[in-house]
């Protein structure tokens, strides 16, 4: 049995339920007023095989080669649960205000006809940086809704990250970093190819803990 992990300091149940209530209201109104809702978060994908559950002979357990783990891709991504669409800013540069602005700019280009883009995201410092907030003031089409602290269970994109890891690092071995990098971009740039798999995973229901 694999233990489950959950935040050590989650917000109160009341706070979580209030977020869900506000989200459901936002979601209902979005269909009427041309608003796009995006769940956003950053992930650091390391070039390293991660062992996971799989079928095998107990007398001869499966084994995998491993990589150095010295290189990684830093991803700021946004998932649209209605259209099964993913927008991302991915590269070797560390996530900071500059990278966050590039991501937000990509959102604007991905949804040129949206009246408003509501971005649900955590409280990472680069989303609150002066450089980022100054840019957002000049682009009122984007509105940020920050999650309660220590509440990844309320961010739908966390499930998407688990899906990505399952496809790219769990029991997967890529000898060369450039091959790994290519596979990452191939998946992230063609998320619609996995629409059938994501349909049951990315449902808009949230676990209250």
C-alpha atoms as a PDB file:
ATOM      1  CA  UNK A   1       0.000   0.000   0.000  1.00  0.00           C
ATOM      2  CA  UNK A   2       1.335   3.417  -0.967  1.00  0.00           C
ATOM      3  CA  UNK A   3       0.643   6.155   1.623  1.00  0.00           C
ATOM      4  CA  UNK A   4      -1.243   9.225   0.435  1.00  0.00           C
ATOM      5  CA  UNK A   5       0.211  12.680   0.907  1.00  0.00           C
ATOM      6  CA  UNK A   6      -1.754  15.764   1.899  1.00  0.00           C
ATOM      7  CA  UNK A   7      -0.831  19.311   2.975  1.00  0.00           C
ATOM      8  CA  UNK A   8       0.529  19.571   6.493  1.00  0.00           C
ATOM      9  CA  UNK A   9      -1.201  22.901   7.137  1.00  0.00           C
ATOM     10  CA  UNK A  10      -4.374  22.906   5.041  1.00  0.00           C
ATOM     11  CA  UNK A  11      -6.872  25.767   5.306  1.00  0.00           C
ATOM     12  CA  UNK A  12     -10.014  25.140   7.320  1.00  0.00           C
ATOM     13  CA  UNK A  13     -12.836  23.125   5.811  1.00  0.00           C
ATOM     14  CA  UNK A  14     -14.948  26.284   5.734  1.00  0.00           C
ATOM     15  CA  UNK A  15     -12.313  28.140   3.706  1.00  0.00           C
ATOM     16  CA  UNK A  16     -12.038  25.269   1.253  1.00  0.00           C
ATOM     17  CA  UNK A  17     -15.803  25.013   0.832  1.00  0.00           C
ATOM     18  CA  UNK A  18     -16.023  28.754   0.277  1.00  0.00           C
ATOM     19  CA  UNK A  19     -13.476  28.500  -2.525  1.00  0.00           C
ATOM     20  CA  UNK A  20     -15.467  25.693  -4.177  1.00  0.00           C
ATOM     21  CA  UNK A  21     -18.656  27.738  -3.893  1.00  0.00           C
ATOM     22  CA  UNK A  22     -17.022  30.782  -5.479  1.00  0.00           C
ATOM     23  CA  UNK A  23     -15.523  28.649  -8.220  1.00  0.00           C
ATOM     24  CA  UNK A  24     -18.863  27.081  -9.095  1.00  0.00           C
ATOM     25  CA  UNK A  25     -20.409  30.558  -9.344  1.00  0.00           C
ATOM     26  CA  UNK A  26     -17.523  31.734 -11.510  1.00  0.00           C
ATOM     27  CA  UNK A  27     -17.834  28.657 -13.721  1.00  0.00           C
ATOM     28  CA  UNK A  28     -21.575  29.181 -14.185  1.00  0.00           C
ATOM     29  CA  UNK A  29     -21.180  32.839 -15.130  1.00  0.00           C
ATOM     30  CA  UNK A  30     -18.193  32.142 -17.397  1.00  0.00           C
ATOM     31  CA  UNK A  31     -20.385  30.293 -19.884  1.00  0.00           C
ATOM     32  CA  UNK A  32     -22.518  33.408 -20.276  1.00  0.00           C
ATOM     33  CA  UNK A  33     -19.950  36.188 -20.465  1.00  0.00           C
ATOM     34  CA  UNK A  34     -17.095  34.764 -22.527  1.00  0.00           C
ATOM     35  CA  UNK A  35     -14.720  34.201 -19.620  1.00  0.00           C
ATOM     36  CA  UNK A  36     -12.013  31.543 -19.818  1.00  0.00           C
ATOM     37  CA  UNK A  37     -10.936  29.834 -16.587  1.00  0.00           C
ATOM     38  CA  UNK A  38      -7.368  28.603 -16.289  1.00  0.00           C
ATOM     39  CA  UNK A  39      -5.814  26.568 -13.482  1.00  0.00           C
ATOM     40  CA  UNK A  40      -2.157  27.570 -13.219  1.00  0.00           C
ATOM     41  CA  UNK A  41       0.892  26.227 -11.418  1.00  0.00           C
ATOM     42  CA  UNK A  42       4.598  25.617 -11.911  1.00  0.00           C
ATOM     43  CA  UNK A  43       6.330  22.246 -12.018  1.00  0.00           C
ATOM     44  CA  UNK A  44       9.989  21.275 -12.173  1.00  0.00           C
ATOM     45  CA  UNK A  45      10.447  18.157 -14.290  1.00  0.00           C
ATOM     46  CA  UNK A  46      13.790  16.522 -13.586  1.00  0.00           C
ATOM     47  CA  UNK A  47      15.606  14.325 -16.116  1.00  0.00           C
ATOM     48  CA  UNK A  48      15.468  11.356 -13.788  1.00  0.00           C
ATOM     49  CA  UNK A  49      13.600   8.046 -13.771  1.00  0.00           C
ATOM     50  CA  UNK A  50      11.063   7.800 -10.945  1.00  0.00           C
ATOM     51  CA  UNK A  51      10.149   4.240  -9.883  1.00  0.00           C
ATOM     52  CA  UNK A  52       6.438   3.570  -9.631  1.00  0.00           C
ATOM     53  CA  UNK A  53       3.971   0.715  -9.359  1.00  0.00           C
ATOM     54  CA  UNK A  54       4.004  -1.752 -12.248  1.00  0.00           C
ATOM     55  CA  UNK A  55       3.397  -5.432 -12.947  1.00  0.00           C
ATOM     56  CA  UNK A  56       6.318  -7.788 -12.479  1.00  0.00           C
ATOM     57  CA  UNK A  57       7.585 -11.079 -11.160  1.00  0.00           C
ATOM     58  CA  UNK A  58       8.231 -10.829  -7.373  1.00  0.00           C
ATOM     59  CA  UNK A  59      11.150 -13.218  -7.819  1.00  0.00           C
ATOM     60  CA  UNK A  60      12.697 -10.888 -10.364  1.00  0.00           C
ATOM     61  CA  UNK A  61      11.452  -7.341  -9.670  1.00  0.00           C
ATOM     62  CA  UNK A  62      11.544  -4.832 -12.547  1.00  0.00           C
ATOM     63  CA  UNK A  63      14.504  -2.486 -12.602  1.00  0.00           C
ATOM     64  CA  UNK A  64      15.236   0.670 -14.549  1.00  0.00           C
ATOM     65  CA  UNK A  65      18.311   2.591 -15.522  1.00  0.00           C
ATOM     66  CA  UNK A  66      18.713   5.994 -13.946  1.00  0.00           C
ATOM     67  CA  UNK A  67      19.975   9.369 -15.105  1.00  0.00           C
ATOM     68  CA  UNK A  68      22.138  11.998 -13.447  1.00  0.00           C
ATOM     69  CA  UNK A  69      19.169  14.141 -12.423  1.00  0.00           C
ATOM     70  CA  UNK A  70      21.256  17.275 -12.913  1.00  0.00           C
ATOM     71  CA  UNK A  71      19.092  18.842 -15.606  1.00  0.00           C
ATOM     72  CA  UNK A  72      15.472  19.849 -15.412  1.00  0.00           C
ATOM     73  CA  UNK A  73      12.771  21.756 -17.195  1.00  0.00           C
ATOM     74  CA  UNK A  74      10.882  24.466 -15.337  1.00  0.00           C
ATOM     75  CA  UNK A  75       7.275  24.723 -16.460  1.00  0.00           C
ATOM     76  CA  UNK A  76       4.685  27.396 -15.754  1.00  0.00           C
ATOM     77  CA  UNK A  77       1.490  25.941 -17.133  1.00  0.00           C
ATOM     78  CA  UNK A  78      -2.211  26.661 -17.348  1.00  0.00           C
ATOM     79  CA  UNK A  79      -4.928  24.068 -17.919  1.00  0.00           C
ATOM     80  CA  UNK A  80      -8.345  24.882 -19.372  1.00  0.00           C
ATOM     81  CA  UNK A  81     -10.748  22.140 -18.180  1.00  0.00           C
ATOM     82  CA  UNK A  82     -13.527  23.143 -20.574  1.00  0.00           C
ATOM     83  CA  UNK A  83     -11.499  22.893 -23.786  1.00  0.00           C
ATOM     84  CA  UNK A  84      -8.837  20.419 -22.608  1.00  0.00           C
ATOM     85  CA  UNK A  85      -6.293  23.037 -23.614  1.00  0.00           C
ATOM     86  CA  UNK A  86      -2.867  23.621 -22.104  1.00  0.00           C
ATOM     87  CA  UNK A  87      -0.711  26.740 -22.345  1.00  0.00           C
ATOM     88  CA  UNK A  88       2.814  26.718 -20.993  1.00  0.00           C
ATOM     89  CA  UNK A  89       6.134  28.496 -20.713  1.00  0.00           C
ATOM     90  CA  UNK A  90       8.827  25.814 -20.461  1.00  0.00           C
ATOM     91  CA  UNK A  91      12.599  26.016 -20.395  1.00  0.00           C
ATOM     92  CA  UNK A  92      15.738  25.736 -18.329  1.00  0.00           C
ATOM     93  CA  UNK A  93      15.425  29.218 -16.800  1.00  0.00           C
ATOM     94  CA  UNK A  94      14.230  29.384 -13.197  1.00  0.00           C
ATOM     95  CA  UNK A  95      10.654  30.467 -12.584  1.00  0.00           C
ATOM     96  CA  UNK A  96      10.592  34.168 -11.774  1.00  0.00           C
ATOM     97  CA  UNK A  97       8.559  37.277 -12.549  1.00  0.00           C
ATOM     98  CA  UNK A  98       9.958  37.474 -16.068  1.00  0.00           C
ATOM     99  CA  UNK A  99       8.943  33.893 -16.838  1.00  0.00           C
ATOM    100  CA  UNK A 100       5.507  34.467 -15.289  1.00  0.00           C
ATOM    101  CA  UNK A 101       4.952  37.445 -17.584  1.00  0.00           C
ATOM    102  CA  UNK A 102       5.931  35.377 -20.615  1.00  0.00           C
ATOM    103  CA  UNK A 103       3.360  32.796 -19.541  1.00  0.00           C
ATOM    104  CA  UNK A 104       0.604  35.382 -19.106  1.00  0.00           C
ATOM    105  CA  UNK A 105       1.434  36.856 -22.506  1.00  0.00           C
ATOM    106  CA  UNK A 106       1.085  33.390 -24.039  1.00  0.00           C
ATOM    107  CA  UNK A 107      -2.343  33.117 -22.432  1.00  0.00           C
ATOM    108  CA  UNK A 108      -3.439  36.333 -24.126  1.00  0.00           C
ATOM    109  CA  UNK A 109      -2.247  35.029 -27.481  1.00  0.00           C
ATOM    110  CA  UNK A 110      -3.920  31.642 -26.928  1.00  0.00           C
ATOM    111  CA  UNK A 111      -7.291  33.280 -26.202  1.00  0.00           C
ATOM    112  CA  UNK A 112      -7.406  36.416 -28.376  1.00  0.00           C
ATOM    113  CA  UNK A 113     -11.204  36.559 -28.387  1.00  0.00           C
ATOM    114  CA  UNK A 114     -11.809  35.981 -24.675  1.00  0.00           C
ATOM    115  CA  UNK A 115     -13.433  38.891 -22.856  1.00  0.00           C
ATOM    116  CA  UNK A 116     -11.677  37.853 -19.680  1.00  0.00           C
ATOM    117  CA  UNK A 117      -9.204  35.204 -18.522  1.00  0.00           C
ATOM    118  CA  UNK A 118      -9.572  34.135 -14.899  1.00  0.00           C
ATOM    119  CA  UNK A 119      -6.373  32.475 -13.684  1.00  0.00           C
ATOM    120  CA  UNK A 120      -6.581  30.358 -10.540  1.00  0.00           C
ATOM    121  CA  UNK A 121      -3.108  29.986  -9.058  1.00  0.00           C
ATOM    122  CA  UNK A 122      -1.081  29.575  -5.892  1.00  0.00           C
ATOM    123  CA  UNK A 123       0.813  32.231  -3.982  1.00  0.00           C
ATOM    124  CA  UNK A 124       4.270  31.760  -5.498  1.00  0.00           C
ATOM    125  CA  UNK A 125       6.342  34.885  -4.946  1.00  0.00           C
ATOM    126  CA  UNK A 126       6.880  35.574  -8.657  1.00  0.00           C
ATOM    127  CA  UNK A 127       3.102  35.919  -9.169  1.00  0.00           C
ATOM    128  CA  UNK A 128       3.081  38.657  -6.504  1.00  0.00           C
ATOM    129  CA  UNK A 129       6.289  40.377  -7.620  1.00  0.00           C
ATOM    130  CA  UNK A 130       6.055  44.081  -8.485  1.00  0.00           C
ATOM    131  CA  UNK A 131       7.176  43.389 -12.042  1.00  0.00           C
ATOM    132  CA  UNK A 132       4.369  40.893 -12.503  1.00  0.00           C
ATOM    133  CA  UNK A 133       1.643  42.997 -10.873  1.00  0.00           C
ATOM    134  CA  UNK A 134       2.677  46.053 -12.907  1.00  0.00           C
ATOM    135  CA  UNK A 135       2.353  44.023 -16.106  1.00  0.00           C
ATOM    136  CA  UNK A 136      -1.048  42.663 -15.090  1.00  0.00           C
ATOM    137  CA  UNK A 137      -2.331  46.178 -14.408  1.00  0.00           C
ATOM    138  CA  UNK A 138      -1.592  46.993 -18.040  1.00  0.00           C
ATOM    139  CA  UNK A 139      -3.457  43.873 -19.185  1.00  0.00           C
ATOM    140  CA  UNK A 140      -6.801  43.862 -17.337  1.00  0.00           C
ATOM    141  CA  UNK A 141      -8.051  41.027 -19.539  1.00  0.00           C
ATOM    142  CA  UNK A 142      -6.269  38.714 -17.113  1.00  0.00           C
ATOM    143  CA  UNK A 143      -7.519  38.434 -13.553  1.00  0.00           C
ATOM    144  CA  UNK A 144      -5.695  36.349 -10.929  1.00  0.00           C
ATOM    145  CA  UNK A 145      -7.561  34.456  -8.215  1.00  0.00           C
ATOM    146  CA  UNK A 146      -5.176  33.214  -5.580  1.00  0.00           C
ATOM    147  CA  UNK A 147      -5.858  29.941  -3.818  1.00  0.00           C
ATOM    148  CA  UNK A 148      -5.859  29.659  -0.032  1.00  0.00           C
ATOM    149  CA  UNK A 149      -2.383  28.843   1.273  1.00  0.00           C
ATOM    150  CA  UNK A 150      -1.429  25.156   1.430  1.00  0.00           C
ATOM    151  CA  UNK A 151      -4.357  24.003  -0.693  1.00  0.00           C
ATOM    152  CA  UNK A 152      -3.021  22.153  -3.768  1.00  0.00           C
ATOM    153  CA  UNK A 153      -6.130  19.947  -3.552  1.00  0.00           C
ATOM    154  CA  UNK A 154      -8.097  22.924  -4.869  1.00  0.00           C
ATOM    155  CA  UNK A 155      -5.892  23.392  -7.925  1.00  0.00           C
ATOM    156  CA  UNK A 156      -7.086  21.159 -10.746  1.00  0.00           C
ATOM    157  CA  UNK A 157      -3.746  21.337 -12.542  1.00  0.00           C
ATOM    158  CA  UNK A 158      -2.118  19.220  -9.825  1.00  0.00           C
ATOM    159  CA  UNK A 159      -3.883  16.203 -11.349  1.00  0.00           C
ATOM    160  CA  UNK A 160      -2.535  17.172 -14.754  1.00  0.00           C
ATOM    161  CA  UNK A 161       1.020  17.285 -13.387  1.00  0.00           C
ATOM    162  CA  UNK A 162       0.601  13.748 -12.037  1.00  0.00           C
ATOM    163  CA  UNK A 163      -0.580  12.683 -15.475  1.00  0.00           C
ATOM    164  CA  UNK A 164       2.467  14.304 -17.092  1.00  0.00           C
ATOM    165  CA  UNK A 165       4.865  12.626 -14.669  1.00  0.00           C
ATOM    166  CA  UNK A 166       3.219   9.292 -15.349  1.00  0.00           C
ATOM    167  CA  UNK A 167       3.856   9.726 -19.046  1.00  0.00           C
ATOM    168  CA  UNK A 168       7.377  11.109 -18.848  1.00  0.00           C
ATOM    169  CA  UNK A 169       9.299  10.083 -15.727  1.00  0.00           C
ATOM    170  CA  UNK A 170       7.594   7.233 -13.880  1.00  0.00           C
ATOM    171  CA  UNK A 171       9.308   4.029 -14.990  1.00  0.00           C
ATOM    172  CA  UNK A 172      10.610   5.926 -18.031  1.00  0.00           C
ATOM    173  CA  UNK A 173      14.263   6.175 -19.016  1.00  0.00           C
ATOM    174  CA  UNK A 174      15.722   8.613 -21.525  1.00  0.00           C
ATOM    175  CA  UNK A 175      19.465   8.283 -21.876  1.00  0.00           C
ATOM    176  CA  UNK A 176      19.974  11.761 -23.301  1.00  0.00           C
ATOM    177  CA  UNK A 177      18.557  14.976 -21.889  1.00  0.00           C
ATOM    178  CA  UNK A 178      17.722  16.295 -25.352  1.00  0.00           C
ATOM    179  CA  UNK A 179      15.543  13.233 -25.970  1.00  0.00           C
ATOM    180  CA  UNK A 180      13.794  13.780 -22.646  1.00  0.00           C
ATOM    181  CA  UNK A 181      13.306  17.460 -23.469  1.00  0.00           C
ATOM    182  CA  UNK A 182      11.852  16.625 -26.867  1.00  0.00           C
ATOM    183  CA  UNK A 183       9.352  14.200 -25.332  1.00  0.00           C
ATOM    184  CA  UNK A 184       8.266  16.794 -22.762  1.00  0.00           C
ATOM    185  CA  UNK A 185       7.517  19.394 -25.426  1.00  0.00           C
ATOM    186  CA  UNK A 186       5.811  16.798 -27.623  1.00  0.00           C
ATOM    187  CA  UNK A 187       3.353  16.022 -24.831  1.00  0.00           C
ATOM    188  CA  UNK A 188       2.801  19.572 -23.586  1.00  0.00           C
ATOM    189  CA  UNK A 189       2.264  20.908 -27.102  1.00  0.00           C
ATOM    190  CA  UNK A 190      -0.273  18.207 -27.995  1.00  0.00           C
ATOM    191  CA  UNK A 191      -2.378  17.788 -24.862  1.00  0.00           C
ATOM    192  CA  UNK A 192      -5.528  17.504 -26.992  1.00  0.00           C
ATOM    193  CA  UNK A 193      -4.204  14.123 -28.184  1.00  0.00           C
ATOM    194  CA  UNK A 194      -4.842  12.863 -24.639  1.00  0.00           C
ATOM    195  CA  UNK A 195      -8.341  14.289 -24.376  1.00  0.00           C
ATOM    196  CA  UNK A 196      -9.929  10.888 -23.850  1.00  0.00           C
ATOM    197  CA  UNK A 197      -7.590  10.033 -20.961  1.00  0.00           C
ATOM    198  CA  UNK A 198      -7.965  13.448 -19.353  1.00  0.00           C
ATOM    199  CA  UNK A 199     -11.754  13.534 -19.591  1.00  0.00           C
ATOM    200  CA  UNK A 200     -12.304  11.398 -16.496  1.00  0.00           C
ATOM    201  CA  UNK A 201      -9.242  12.716 -14.635  1.00  0.00           C
ATOM    202  CA  UNK A 202      -9.761  16.457 -14.947  1.00  0.00           C
ATOM    203  CA  UNK A 203     -13.332  16.664 -13.678  1.00  0.00           C
ATOM    204  CA  UNK A 204     -14.170  19.856 -11.817  1.00  0.00           C
ATOM    205  CA  UNK A 205     -14.685  18.260  -8.425  1.00  0.00           C
ATOM    206  CA  UNK A 206     -12.443  19.117  -5.509  1.00  0.00           C
ATOM    207  CA  UNK A 207     -11.383  17.071  -2.515  1.00  0.00           C
ATOM    208  CA  UNK A 208     -11.965  18.802   0.798  1.00  0.00           C
ATOM    209  CA  UNK A 209      -9.372  17.776   3.393  1.00  0.00           C
END
